[in-house]
Amino acid sequence: MQDDFIKLSQFLKLNDLVQSGGEAKHLIQTGHVLVNDEIELRRGRKLYAGDRVTFSGKTYQVKQPST
């Protein structure tokens, strides 16, 4: 991650929560993913360190990128 953010669909893929971008898109657009305890329908949502992503009953914290 070269920027200080990561897109929601990329986060799901990088953390092996989905198998493909298409799967991420479907799950996000059908309301199965929460960001900071709110349903997020935008797969391009920018996530920053400290944001929380909840998917399939588990919550994952976005970490500061390593330099």
PDB file of N, CA and C in Angstrom:
ATOM      1  N   MET A   1       0.849  -1.175   0.000  1.00  0.00           N
ATOM      2  CA  MET A   1       0.000   0.000   0.000  1.00  0.00           C
ATOM      3  C   MET A   1       0.888   1.231   0.000  1.00  0.00           C
ATOM      4  N   GLN A   2       0.882   1.976  -1.087  1.00  0.00           N
ATOM      5  CA  GLN A   2       1.769   3.122  -1.209  1.00  0.00           C
ATOM      6  C   GLN A   2       1.132   4.409  -0.720  1.00  0.00           C
ATOM      7  N   ASP A   3      -0.186   4.477  -0.705  1.00  0.00           N
ATOM      8  CA  ASP A   3      -0.881   5.658  -0.223  1.00  0.00           C
ATOM      9  C   ASP A   3      -1.199   5.472   1.253  1.00  0.00           C
ATOM     10  N   ASP A   4      -1.803   6.503   1.832  1.00  0.00           N
ATOM     11  CA  ASP A   4      -2.179   6.370   3.237  1.00  0.00           C
ATOM     12  C   ASP A   4      -3.597   5.824   3.379  1.00  0.00           C
ATOM     13  N   PHE A   5      -4.163   5.313   2.288  1.00  0.00           N
ATOM     14  CA  PHE A   5      -5.478   4.693   2.323  1.00  0.00           C
ATOM     15  C   PHE A   5      -5.485   3.445   1.459  1.00  0.00           C
ATOM     16  N   ILE A   6      -6.503   2.635   1.642  1.00  0.00           N
ATOM     17  CA  ILE A   6      -6.731   1.470   0.796  1.00  0.00           C
ATOM     18  C   ILE A   6      -8.221   1.424   0.509  1.00  0.00           C
ATOM     19  N   LYS A   7      -8.588   1.031  -0.694  1.00  0.00           N
ATOM     20  CA  LYS A   7     -10.002   0.939  -1.034  1.00  0.00           C
ATOM     21  C   LYS A   7     -10.600  -0.301  -0.383  1.00  0.00           C
ATOM     22  N   LEU A   8     -11.875  -0.192  -0.043  1.00  0.00           N
ATOM     23  CA  LEU A   8     -12.565  -1.262   0.673  1.00  0.00           C
ATOM     24  C   LEU A   8     -12.471  -2.600  -0.055  1.00  0.00           C
ATOM     25  N   SER A   9     -12.702  -2.612  -1.354  1.00  0.00           N
ATOM     26  CA  SER A   9     -12.642  -3.884  -2.092  1.00  0.00           C
ATOM     27  C   SER A   9     -11.236  -4.476  -2.050  1.00  0.00           C
ATOM     28  N   GLN A  10     -10.212  -3.631  -2.110  1.00  0.00           N
ATOM     29  CA  GLN A  10      -8.828  -4.108  -2.028  1.00  0.00           C
ATOM     30  C   GLN A  10      -8.546  -4.681  -0.642  1.00  0.00           C
ATOM     31  N   PHE A  11      -9.059  -4.025   0.383  1.00  0.00           N
ATOM     32  CA  PHE A  11      -8.868  -4.500   1.753  1.00  0.00           C
ATOM     33  C   PHE A  11      -9.441  -5.904   1.922  1.00  0.00           C
ATOM     34  N   LEU A  12     -10.643  -6.119   1.393  1.00  0.00           N
ATOM     35  CA  LEU A  12     -11.262  -7.440   1.505  1.00  0.00           C
ATOM     36  C   LEU A  12     -10.439  -8.502   0.796  1.00  0.00           C
ATOM     37  N   LYS A  13      -9.908  -8.169  -0.375  1.00  0.00           N
ATOM     38  CA  LYS A  13      -9.098  -9.133  -1.128  1.00  0.00           C
ATOM     39  C   LYS A  13      -7.753  -9.392  -0.443  1.00  0.00           C
ATOM     40  N   LEU A  14      -7.086  -8.345  -0.011  1.00  0.00           N
ATOM     41  CA  LEU A  14      -5.762  -8.506   0.604  1.00  0.00           C
ATOM     42  C   LEU A  14      -5.813  -9.293   1.914  1.00  0.00           C
ATOM     43  N   ASN A  15      -6.941  -9.235   2.591  1.00  0.00           N
ATOM     44  CA  ASN A  15      -7.096  -9.964   3.847  1.00  0.00           C
ATOM     45  C   ASN A  15      -7.767 -11.318   3.657  1.00  0.00           C
ATOM     46  N   ASP A  16      -7.845 -11.769   2.406  1.00  0.00           N
ATOM     47  CA  ASP A  16      -8.417 -13.077   2.058  1.00  0.00           C
ATOM     48  C   ASP A  16      -9.836 -13.273   2.586  1.00  0.00           C
ATOM     49  N   LEU A  17     -10.615 -12.196   2.602  1.00  0.00           N
ATOM     50  CA  LEU A  17     -12.006 -12.290   3.032  1.00  0.00           C
ATOM     51  C   LEU A  17     -12.914 -12.616   1.854  1.00  0.00           C
ATOM     52  N   VAL A  18     -12.434 -12.352   0.633  1.00  0.00           N
ATOM     53  CA  VAL A  18     -13.147 -12.689  -0.601  1.00  0.00           C
ATOM     54  C   VAL A  18     -12.142 -13.267  -1.584  1.00  0.00           C
ATOM     55  N   GLN A  19     -12.653 -13.974  -2.581  1.00  0.00           N
ATOM     56  CA  GLN A  19     -11.781 -14.599  -3.578  1.00  0.00           C
ATOM     57  C   GLN A  19     -11.503 -13.703  -4.778  1.00  0.00           C
ATOM     58  N   SER A  20     -12.414 -12.756  -5.057  1.00  0.00           N
ATOM     59  CA  SER A  20     -12.251 -11.940  -6.260  1.00  0.00           C
ATOM     60  C   SER A  20     -12.844 -10.556  -6.056  1.00  0.00           C
ATOM     61  N   GLY A  21     -12.500  -9.673  -6.969  1.00  0.00           N
ATOM     62  CA  GLY A  21     -13.061  -8.336  -6.947  1.00  0.00           C
ATOM     63  C   GLY A  21     -14.560  -8.361  -7.183  1.00  0.00           C
ATOM     64  N   GLY A  22     -15.016  -9.279  -8.024  1.00  0.00           N
ATOM     65  CA  GLY A  22     -16.445  -9.414  -8.287  1.00  0.00           C
ATOM     66  C   GLY A  22     -17.218  -9.823  -7.045  1.00  0.00           C
ATOM     67  N   GLU A  23     -16.635 -10.729  -6.285  1.00  0.00           N
ATOM     68  CA  GLU A  23     -17.273 -11.150  -5.036  1.00  0.00           C
ATOM     69  C   GLU A  23     -17.319  -9.988  -4.050  1.00  0.00           C
ATOM     70  N   ALA A  24     -16.224  -9.237  -3.958  1.00  0.00           N
ATOM     71  CA  ALA A  24     -16.179  -8.069  -3.069  1.00  0.00           C
ATOM     72  C   ALA A  24     -17.254  -7.066  -3.469  1.00  0.00           C
ATOM     73  N   LYS A  25     -17.352  -6.781  -4.762  1.00  0.00           N
ATOM     74  CA  LYS A  25     -18.343  -5.832  -5.267  1.00  0.00           C
ATOM     75  C   LYS A  25     -19.753  -6.263  -4.872  1.00  0.00           C
ATOM     76  N   HIS A  26     -20.071  -7.522  -5.095  1.00  0.00           N
ATOM     77  CA  HIS A  26     -21.411  -8.026  -4.784  1.00  0.00           C
ATOM     78  C   HIS A  26     -21.712  -7.903  -3.289  1.00  0.00           C
ATOM     79  N   LEU A  27     -20.786  -8.337  -2.445  1.00  0.00           N
ATOM     80  CA  LEU A  27     -21.021  -8.317  -1.006  1.00  0.00           C
ATOM     81  C   LEU A  27     -21.151  -6.889  -0.472  1.00  0.00           C
ATOM     82  N   ILE A  28     -20.345  -5.980  -1.006  1.00  0.00           N
ATOM     83  CA  ILE A  28     -20.417  -4.581  -0.567  1.00  0.00           C
ATOM     84  C   ILE A  28     -21.744  -3.970  -1.008  1.00  0.00           C
ATOM     85  N   GLN A  29     -22.092  -4.140  -2.270  1.00  0.00           N
ATOM     86  CA  GLN A  29     -23.291  -3.493  -2.809  1.00  0.00           C
ATOM     87  C   GLN A  29     -24.590  -4.080  -2.269  1.00  0.00           C
ATOM     88  N   THR A  30     -24.526  -5.248  -1.669  1.00  0.00           N
ATOM     89  CA  THR A  30     -25.731  -5.837  -1.071  1.00  0.00           C
ATOM     90  C   THR A  30     -25.781  -5.643   0.449  1.00  0.00           C
ATOM     91  N   GLY A  31     -24.889  -4.809   0.976  1.00  0.00           N
ATOM     92  CA  GLY A  31     -24.961  -4.408   2.374  1.00  0.00           C
ATOM     93  C   GLY A  31     -24.380  -5.372   3.381  1.00  0.00           C
ATOM     94  N   HIS A  32     -23.474  -6.249   2.956  1.00  0.00           N
ATOM     95  CA  HIS A  32     -22.887  -7.233   3.867  1.00  0.00           C
ATOM     96  C   HIS A  32     -21.612  -6.753   4.565  1.00  0.00           C
ATOM     97  N   VAL A  33     -21.178  -5.528   4.267  1.00  0.00           N
ATOM     98  CA  VAL A  33     -19.931  -5.021   4.835  1.00  0.00           C
ATOM     99  C   VAL A  33     -20.210  -3.712   5.572  1.00  0.00           C
ATOM    100  N   LEU A  34     -19.667  -3.612   6.777  1.00  0.00           N
ATOM    101  CA  LEU A  34     -19.798  -2.381   7.550  1.00  0.00           C
ATOM    102  C   LEU A  34     -18.429  -1.731   7.705  1.00  0.00           C
ATOM    103  N   VAL A  35     -18.417  -0.421   7.677  1.00  0.00           N
ATOM    104  CA  VAL A  35     -17.204   0.345   7.964  1.00  0.00           C
ATOM    105  C   VAL A  35     -17.537   1.254   9.139  1.00  0.00           C
ATOM    106  N   ASN A  36     -16.772   1.128  10.192  1.00  0.00           N
ATOM    107  CA  ASN A  36     -16.998   1.904  11.417  1.00  0.00           C
ATOM    108  C   ASN A  36     -18.459   1.785  11.877  1.00  0.00           C
ATOM    109  N   ASP A  37     -18.962   0.552  11.871  1.00  0.00           N
ATOM    110  CA  ASP A  37     -20.294   0.195  12.366  1.00  0.00           C
ATOM    111  C   ASP A  37     -21.453   0.724  11.519  1.00  0.00           C
ATOM    112  N   GLU A  38     -21.174   1.135  10.276  1.00  0.00           N
ATOM    113  CA  GLU A  38     -22.235   1.584   9.375  1.00  0.00           C
ATOM    114  C   GLU A  38     -22.134   0.816   8.068  1.00  0.00           C
ATOM    115  N   ILE A  39     -23.297   0.432   7.508  1.00  0.00           N
ATOM    116  CA  ILE A  39     -23.295  -0.271   6.224  1.00  0.00           C
ATOM    117  C   ILE A  39     -22.642   0.617   5.168  1.00  0.00           C
ATOM    118  N   GLU A  40     -21.731   0.028   4.414  1.00  0.00           N
ATOM    119  CA  GLU A  40     -21.028   0.757   3.349  1.00  0.00           C
ATOM    120  C   GLU A  40     -21.344   0.088   2.024  1.00  0.00           C
ATOM    121  N   LEU A  41     -21.869   0.850   1.078  1.00  0.00           N
ATOM    122  CA  LEU A  41     -22.257   0.314  -0.221  1.00  0.00           C
ATOM    123  C   LEU A  41     -21.281   0.692  -1.333  1.00  0.00           C
ATOM    124  N   ARG A  42     -20.241   1.455  -1.010  1.00  0.00           N
ATOM    125  CA  ARG A  42     -19.272   1.899  -2.025  1.00  0.00           C
ATOM    126  C   ARG A  42     -18.001   1.051  -1.945  1.00  0.00           C
ATOM    127  N   ARG A  43     -17.721   0.299  -3.005  1.00  0.00           N
ATOM    128  CA  ARG A  43     -16.520  -0.544  -2.978  1.00  0.00           C
ATOM    129  C   ARG A  43     -15.246   0.292  -3.038  1.00  0.00           C
ATOM    130  N   GLY A  44     -15.344   1.520  -3.529  1.00  0.00           N
ATOM    131  CA  GLY A  44     -14.184   2.403  -3.609  1.00  0.00           C
ATOM    132  C   GLY A  44     -13.970   3.237  -2.362  1.00  0.00           C
ATOM    133  N   ARG A  45     -14.729   2.959  -1.303  1.00  0.00           N
ATOM    134  CA  ARG A  45     -14.583   3.699  -0.046  1.00  0.00           C
ATOM    135  C   ARG A  45     -13.134   3.645   0.406  1.00  0.00           C
ATOM    136  N   LYS A  46     -12.562   4.806   0.694  1.00  0.00           N
ATOM    137  CA  LYS A  46     -11.178   4.864   1.150  1.00  0.00           C
ATOM    138  C   LYS A  46     -11.129   4.572   2.642  1.00  0.00           C
ATOM    139  N   LEU A  47     -10.273   3.639   3.010  1.00  0.00           N
ATOM    140  CA  LEU A  47     -10.072   3.270   4.403  1.00  0.00           C
ATOM    141  C   LEU A  47      -8.726   3.801   4.871  1.00  0.00           C
ATOM    142  N   TYR A  48      -8.702   4.304   6.073  1.00  0.00           N
ATOM    143  CA  TYR A  48      -7.477   4.842   6.659  1.00  0.00           C
ATOM    144  C   TYR A  48      -7.164   4.084   7.948  1.00  0.00           C
ATOM    145  N   ALA A  49      -5.936   4.199   8.401  1.00  0.00           N
ATOM    146  CA  ALA A  49      -5.528   3.530   9.638  1.00  0.00           C
ATOM    147  C   ALA A  49      -6.505   3.883  10.755  1.00  0.00           C
ATOM    148  N   GLY A  50      -6.961   2.858  11.463  1.00  0.00           N
ATOM    149  CA  GLY A  50      -7.901   3.044  12.554  1.00  0.00           C
ATOM    150  C   GLY A  50      -9.342   2.731  12.175  1.00  0.00           C
ATOM    151  N   ASP A  51      -9.654   2.732  10.864  1.00  0.00           N
ATOM    152  CA  ASP A  51     -11.001   2.356  10.447  1.00  0.00           C
ATOM    153  C   ASP A  51     -11.232   0.888  10.784  1.00  0.00           C
ATOM    154  N   ARG A  52     -12.506   0.531  11.007  1.00  0.00           N
ATOM    155  CA  ARG A  52     -12.877  -0.838  11.316  1.00  0.00           C
ATOM    156  C   ARG A  52     -13.811  -1.368  10.226  1.00  0.00           C
ATOM    157  N   VAL A  53     -13.502  -2.550   9.729  1.00  0.00           N
ATOM    158  CA  VAL A  53     -14.316  -3.216   8.716  1.00  0.00           C
ATOM    159  C   VAL A  53     -14.920  -4.455   9.351  1.00  0.00           C
ATOM    160  N   THR A  54     -16.241  -4.572   9.290  1.00  0.00           N
ATOM    161  CA  THR A  54     -16.920  -5.742   9.826  1.00  0.00           C
ATOM    162  C   THR A  54     -17.524  -6.523   8.670  1.00  0.00           C
ATOM    163  N   PHE A  55     -17.197  -7.810   8.635  1.00  0.00           N
ATOM    164  CA  PHE A  55     -17.666  -8.682   7.572  1.00  0.00           C
ATOM    165  C   PHE A  55     -17.844 -10.077   8.143  1.00  0.00           C
ATOM    166  N   SER A  56     -18.967 -10.676   7.883  1.00  0.00           N
ATOM    167  CA  SER A  56     -19.251 -12.043   8.304  1.00  0.00           C
ATOM    168  C   SER A  56     -19.064 -12.228   9.820  1.00  0.00           C
ATOM    169  N   GLY A  57     -19.521 -11.225  10.580  1.00  0.00           N
ATOM    170  CA  GLY A  57     -19.493 -11.329  12.027  1.00  0.00           C
ATOM    171  C   GLY A  57     -18.158 -11.037  12.695  1.00  0.00           C
ATOM    172  N   LYS A  58     -17.142 -10.692  11.919  1.00  0.00           N
ATOM    173  CA  LYS A  58     -15.824 -10.392  12.491  1.00  0.00           C
ATOM    174  C   LYS A  58     -15.421  -8.975  12.116  1.00  0.00           C
ATOM    175  N   THR A  59     -14.695  -8.323  13.010  1.00  0.00           N
ATOM    176  CA  THR A  59     -14.245  -6.953  12.775  1.00  0.00           C
ATOM    177  C   THR A  59     -12.733  -6.937  12.611  1.00  0.00           C
ATOM    178  N   TYR A  60     -12.295  -6.199  11.600  1.00  0.00           N
ATOM    179  CA  TYR A  60     -10.873  -6.079  11.261  1.00  0.00           C
ATOM    180  C   TYR A  60     -10.493  -4.608  11.310  1.00  0.00           C
ATOM    181  N   GLN A  61      -9.350  -4.326  11.907  1.00  0.00           N
ATOM    182  CA  GLN A  61      -8.880  -2.945  12.002  1.00  0.00           C
ATOM    183  C   GLN A  61      -7.885  -2.666  10.889  1.00  0.00           C
ATOM    184  N   VAL A  62      -8.033  -1.506  10.256  1.00  0.00           N
ATOM    185  CA  VAL A  62      -7.097  -1.085   9.215  1.00  0.00           C
ATOM    186  C   VAL A  62      -5.831  -0.595   9.911  1.00  0.00           C
ATOM    187  N   LYS A  63      -4.695  -1.128   9.501  1.00  0.00           N
ATOM    188  CA  LYS A  63      -3.415  -0.791  10.115  1.00  0.00           C
ATOM    189  C   LYS A  63      -2.694   0.284   9.309  1.00  0.00           C
ATOM    190  N   GLN A  64      -1.800   0.980   9.964  1.00  0.00           N
ATOM    191  CA  GLN A  64      -0.925   1.952   9.293  1.00  0.00           C
ATOM    192  C   GLN A  64      -0.020   1.197   8.336  1.00  0.00           C
ATOM    193  N   PRO A  65       0.124   1.658   7.090  1.00  0.00           N
ATOM    194  CA  PRO A  65       0.985   0.942   6.143  1.00  0.00           C
ATOM    195  C   PRO A  65       2.444   0.946   6.593  1.00  0.00           C
ATOM    196  N   SER A  66       3.132  -0.131   6.308  1.00  0.00           N
ATOM    197  CA  SER A  66       4.559  -0.227   6.624  1.00  0.00           C
ATOM    198  C   SER A  66       5.350   0.551   5.584  1.00  0.00           C
ATOM    199  N   THR A  67       6.394   1.217   6.026  1.00  0.00           N
ATOM    200  CA  THR A  67       7.223   1.977   5.083  1.00  0.00           C
ATOM    201  C   THR A  67       8.546   1.303   4.869  1.00  0.00           C
TER     202      THR A  67
END
